[in-house]
Amino acid sequence: MSILKDKSYVFALEIVKLSQCLVADKKEYILSKQLLRSGTAVGALIREAEFAQSKKDFIYKMSIALKEANETLYWLDLLKDTNYLVEDRYMSLHSVCKELVAMLLSSIKTSKKSIS
């Protein structure tokens, strides 16, 4: 899970930086707060899952991380389509978030197979 943990942490750092820029440069407070919450929650939930009490608890926490990653994609799309986010930065963050979604899905599916 180290690659997932590391990738989600670096992603969270980028989300924090973007949120800071949105507030400072664009005076955008609402969408940036939503993005900050969901984008940083992904890594936090993955960290929580490391010390899950059971396989079911691990799957639950990873599933919530997946939901947060999907929500983050929504906020990124919305920020791009409202011209708060330039195409290059959007593409970079969107790509990493999609990778996180794929990794989370894979981890969840693998874990579910091991308890069946």
C-alpha atoms as a PDB file:
ATOM      1  CA  MET A   1       0.000   0.000   0.000  1.00  0.00           C
ATOM      2  CA  SER A   2       3.021   2.265   0.122  1.00  0.00           C
ATOM      3  CA  ILE A   3       2.677   3.484  -3.484  1.00  0.00           C
ATOM      4  CA  LEU A   4      -0.957   4.349  -2.857  1.00  0.00           C
ATOM      5  CA  LYS A   5      -0.115   6.025   0.440  1.00  0.00           C
ATOM      6  CA  ASP A   6       2.705   8.069  -1.128  1.00  0.00           C
ATOM      7  CA  LYS A   7       0.715   9.039  -4.222  1.00  0.00           C
ATOM      8  CA  SER A   8      -2.272  10.139  -2.138  1.00  0.00           C
ATOM      9  CA  TYR A   9      -0.019  12.253   0.102  1.00  0.00           C
ATOM     10  CA  VAL A  10       1.625  14.035  -2.835  1.00  0.00           C
ATOM     11  CA  PHE A  11      -1.835  14.533  -4.340  1.00  0.00           C
ATOM     12  CA  ALA A  12      -3.067  16.064  -1.058  1.00  0.00           C
ATOM     13  CA  LEU A  13      -0.127  18.479  -1.093  1.00  0.00           C
ATOM     14  CA  GLU A  14      -1.069  19.599  -4.597  1.00  0.00           C
ATOM     15  CA  ILE A  15      -4.701  20.005  -3.562  1.00  0.00           C
ATOM     16  CA  VAL A  16      -3.655  22.177  -0.593  1.00  0.00           C
ATOM     17  CA  LYS A  17      -1.512  24.348  -2.898  1.00  0.00           C
ATOM     18  CA  LEU A  18      -4.346  24.681  -5.400  1.00  0.00           C
ATOM     19  CA  SER A  19      -6.799  25.594  -2.658  1.00  0.00           C
ATOM     20  CA  GLN A  20      -4.416  28.261  -1.364  1.00  0.00           C
ATOM     21  CA  CYS A  21      -4.094  29.721  -4.881  1.00  0.00           C
ATOM     22  CA  LEU A  22      -7.837  29.691  -5.456  1.00  0.00           C
ATOM     23  CA  VAL A  23      -8.412  31.633  -2.260  1.00  0.00           C
ATOM     24  CA  ALA A  24      -5.498  34.074  -2.657  1.00  0.00           C
ATOM     25  CA  ASP A  25      -5.651  34.715  -6.421  1.00  0.00           C
ATOM     26  CA  LYS A  26      -9.250  34.047  -7.430  1.00  0.00           C
ATOM     27  CA  LYS A  27     -11.005  34.866  -4.147  1.00  0.00           C
ATOM     28  CA  GLU A  28     -12.878  31.580  -4.504  1.00  0.00           C
ATOM     29  CA  TYR A  29     -13.777  30.200  -1.090  1.00  0.00           C
ATOM     30  CA  ILE A  30     -16.633  27.722  -1.414  1.00  0.00           C
ATOM     31  CA  LEU A  31     -15.485  25.319  -4.140  1.00  0.00           C
ATOM     32  CA  SER A  32     -11.888  25.460  -2.923  1.00  0.00           C
ATOM     33  CA  LYS A  33     -12.990  24.422   0.568  1.00  0.00           C
ATOM     34  CA  GLN A  34     -14.944  21.466  -0.826  1.00  0.00           C
ATOM     35  CA  LEU A  35     -11.968  20.428  -2.968  1.00  0.00           C
ATOM     36  CA  LEU A  36      -9.612  20.774  -0.007  1.00  0.00           C
ATOM     37  CA  ARG A  37     -11.829  18.601   2.193  1.00  0.00           C
ATOM     38  CA  SER A  38     -12.368  15.775  -0.291  1.00  0.00           C
ATOM     39  CA  GLY A  39      -8.902  15.882  -1.865  1.00  0.00           C
ATOM     40  CA  THR A  40      -7.071  15.593   1.442  1.00  0.00           C
ATOM     41  CA  ALA A  41      -9.522  13.054   2.871  1.00  0.00           C
ATOM     42  CA  VAL A  42      -8.375  10.445   0.341  1.00  0.00           C
ATOM     43  CA  GLY A  43      -4.912  10.117   1.853  1.00  0.00           C
ATOM     44  CA  ALA A  44      -6.176  10.436   5.417  1.00  0.00           C
ATOM     45  CA  LEU A  45      -8.555   7.517   4.916  1.00  0.00           C
ATOM     46  CA  ILE A  46      -5.838   5.422   3.301  1.00  0.00           C
ATOM     47  CA  ARG A  47      -3.698   6.092   6.373  1.00  0.00           C
ATOM     48  CA  GLU A  48      -6.602   5.083   8.606  1.00  0.00           C
ATOM     49  CA  ALA A  49      -7.000   1.860   6.652  1.00  0.00           C
ATOM     50  CA  GLU A  50      -3.405   0.900   7.467  1.00  0.00           C
ATOM     51  CA  PHE A  51      -4.474   0.195  11.020  1.00  0.00           C
ATOM     52  CA  ALA A  52      -7.905  -1.202  10.295  1.00  0.00           C
ATOM     53  CA  GLN A  53      -9.253  -3.566  12.920  1.00  0.00           C
ATOM     54  CA  SER A  54     -10.289  -6.168  10.356  1.00  0.00           C
ATOM     55  CA  LYS A  55     -10.417  -6.829   6.605  1.00  0.00           C
ATOM     56  CA  LYS A  56     -13.986  -5.524   6.570  1.00  0.00           C
ATOM     57  CA  ASP A  57     -12.880  -2.336   8.327  1.00  0.00           C
ATOM     58  CA  PHE A  58     -10.025  -1.976   5.804  1.00  0.00           C
ATOM     59  CA  ILE A  59     -12.447  -2.369   2.887  1.00  0.00           C
ATOM     60  CA  TYR A  60     -14.838   0.124   4.478  1.00  0.00           C
ATOM     61  CA  LYS A  61     -12.155   2.788   4.927  1.00  0.00           C
ATOM     62  CA  MET A  62     -10.767   2.252   1.433  1.00  0.00           C
ATOM     63  CA  SER A  63     -14.303   2.478   0.031  1.00  0.00           C
ATOM     64  CA  ILE A  64     -14.817   5.838   1.729  1.00  0.00           C
ATOM     65  CA  ALA A  65     -11.444   6.980   0.299  1.00  0.00           C
ATOM     66  CA  LEU A  66     -12.732   5.926  -3.133  1.00  0.00           C
ATOM     67  CA  LYS A  67     -15.882   7.992  -2.654  1.00  0.00           C
ATOM     68  CA  GLU A  68     -13.791  11.015  -1.633  1.00  0.00           C
ATOM     69  CA  ALA A  69     -11.549  10.585  -4.693  1.00  0.00           C
ATOM     70  CA  ASN A  70     -14.613  10.453  -6.931  1.00  0.00           C
ATOM     71  CA  GLU A  71     -15.998  13.586  -5.263  1.00  0.00           C
ATOM     72  CA  THR A  72     -12.642  15.292  -5.833  1.00  0.00           C
ATOM     73  CA  LEU A  73     -12.952  14.545  -9.549  1.00  0.00           C
ATOM     74  CA  TYR A  74     -16.308  16.333  -9.485  1.00  0.00           C
ATOM     75  CA  TRP A  75     -14.844  19.454  -7.867  1.00  0.00           C
ATOM     76  CA  LEU A  76     -11.915  19.468 -10.287  1.00  0.00           C
ATOM     77  CA  ASP A  77     -14.323  19.232 -13.236  1.00  0.00           C
ATOM     78  CA  LEU A  78     -16.454  22.028 -11.834  1.00  0.00           C
ATOM     79  CA  LEU A  79     -13.440  24.282 -11.220  1.00  0.00           C
ATOM     80  CA  LYS A  80     -12.203  23.706 -14.765  1.00  0.00           C
ATOM     81  CA  ASP A  81     -15.593  24.277 -16.355  1.00  0.00           C
ATOM     82  CA  THR A  82     -16.074  27.531 -14.414  1.00  0.00           C
ATOM     83  CA  ASN A  83     -12.624  28.765 -15.476  1.00  0.00           C
ATOM     84  CA  TYR A  84     -11.137  28.741 -11.987  1.00  0.00           C
ATOM     85  CA  LEU A  85      -8.647  26.069 -13.011  1.00  0.00           C
ATOM     86  CA  VAL A  86      -6.403  26.189 -16.082  1.00  0.00           C
ATOM     87  CA  GLU A  87      -6.340  23.177 -18.385  1.00  0.00           C
ATOM     88  CA  ASP A  88      -2.747  22.082 -17.625  1.00  0.00           C
ATOM     89  CA  ARG A  89      -3.221  21.995 -13.874  1.00  0.00           C
ATOM     90  CA  TYR A  90      -6.598  20.352 -14.274  1.00  0.00           C
ATOM     91  CA  MET A  91      -5.193  17.608 -16.507  1.00  0.00           C
ATOM     92  CA  SER A  92      -2.359  16.900 -14.093  1.00  0.00           C
ATOM     93  CA  LEU A  93      -4.552  16.692 -10.982  1.00  0.00           C
ATOM     94  CA  HIS A  94      -7.356  14.865 -12.771  1.00  0.00           C
ATOM     95  CA  SER A  95      -4.917  12.262 -14.077  1.00  0.00           C
ATOM     96  CA  VAL A  96      -3.442  11.587 -10.636  1.00  0.00           C
ATOM     97  CA  CYS A  97      -6.900  11.416  -9.072  1.00  0.00           C
ATOM     98  CA  LYS A  98      -8.035   8.900 -11.705  1.00  0.00           C
ATOM     99  CA  GLU A  99      -4.935   6.811 -10.889  1.00  0.00           C
ATOM    100  CA  LEU A 100      -5.878   6.920  -7.212  1.00  0.00           C
ATOM    101  CA  VAL A 101      -9.410   5.790  -8.075  1.00  0.00           C
ATOM    102  CA  ALA A 102      -8.049   2.859 -10.097  1.00  0.00           C
ATOM    103  CA  MET A 103      -5.613   1.878  -7.335  1.00  0.00           C
ATOM    104  CA  LEU A 104      -8.310   2.086  -4.674  1.00  0.00           C
ATOM    105  CA  LEU A 105     -10.711   0.001  -6.761  1.00  0.00           C
ATOM    106  CA  SER A 106      -8.018  -2.626  -7.276  1.00  0.00           C
ATOM    107  CA  SER A 107      -7.149  -2.718  -3.589  1.00  0.00           C
ATOM    108  CA  ILE A 108     -10.803  -3.041  -2.583  1.00  0.00           C
ATOM    109  CA  LYS A 109     -11.472  -5.832  -5.105  1.00  0.00           C
ATOM    110  CA  THR A 110      -8.367  -7.741  -4.012  1.00  0.00           C
ATOM    111  CA  SER A 111      -9.332  -7.402  -0.352  1.00  0.00           C
ATOM    112  CA  LYS A 112     -12.889  -8.550  -1.017  1.00  0.00           C
ATOM    113  CA  LYS A 113     -11.593 -11.688  -2.753  1.00  0.00           C
ATOM    114  CA  SER A 114      -9.458 -12.571   0.250  1.00  0.00           C
ATOM    115  CA  ILE A 115     -12.466 -12.578   2.619  1.00  0.00           C
ATOM    116  CA  SER A 116     -14.824 -14.486   0.330  1.00  0.00           C
END
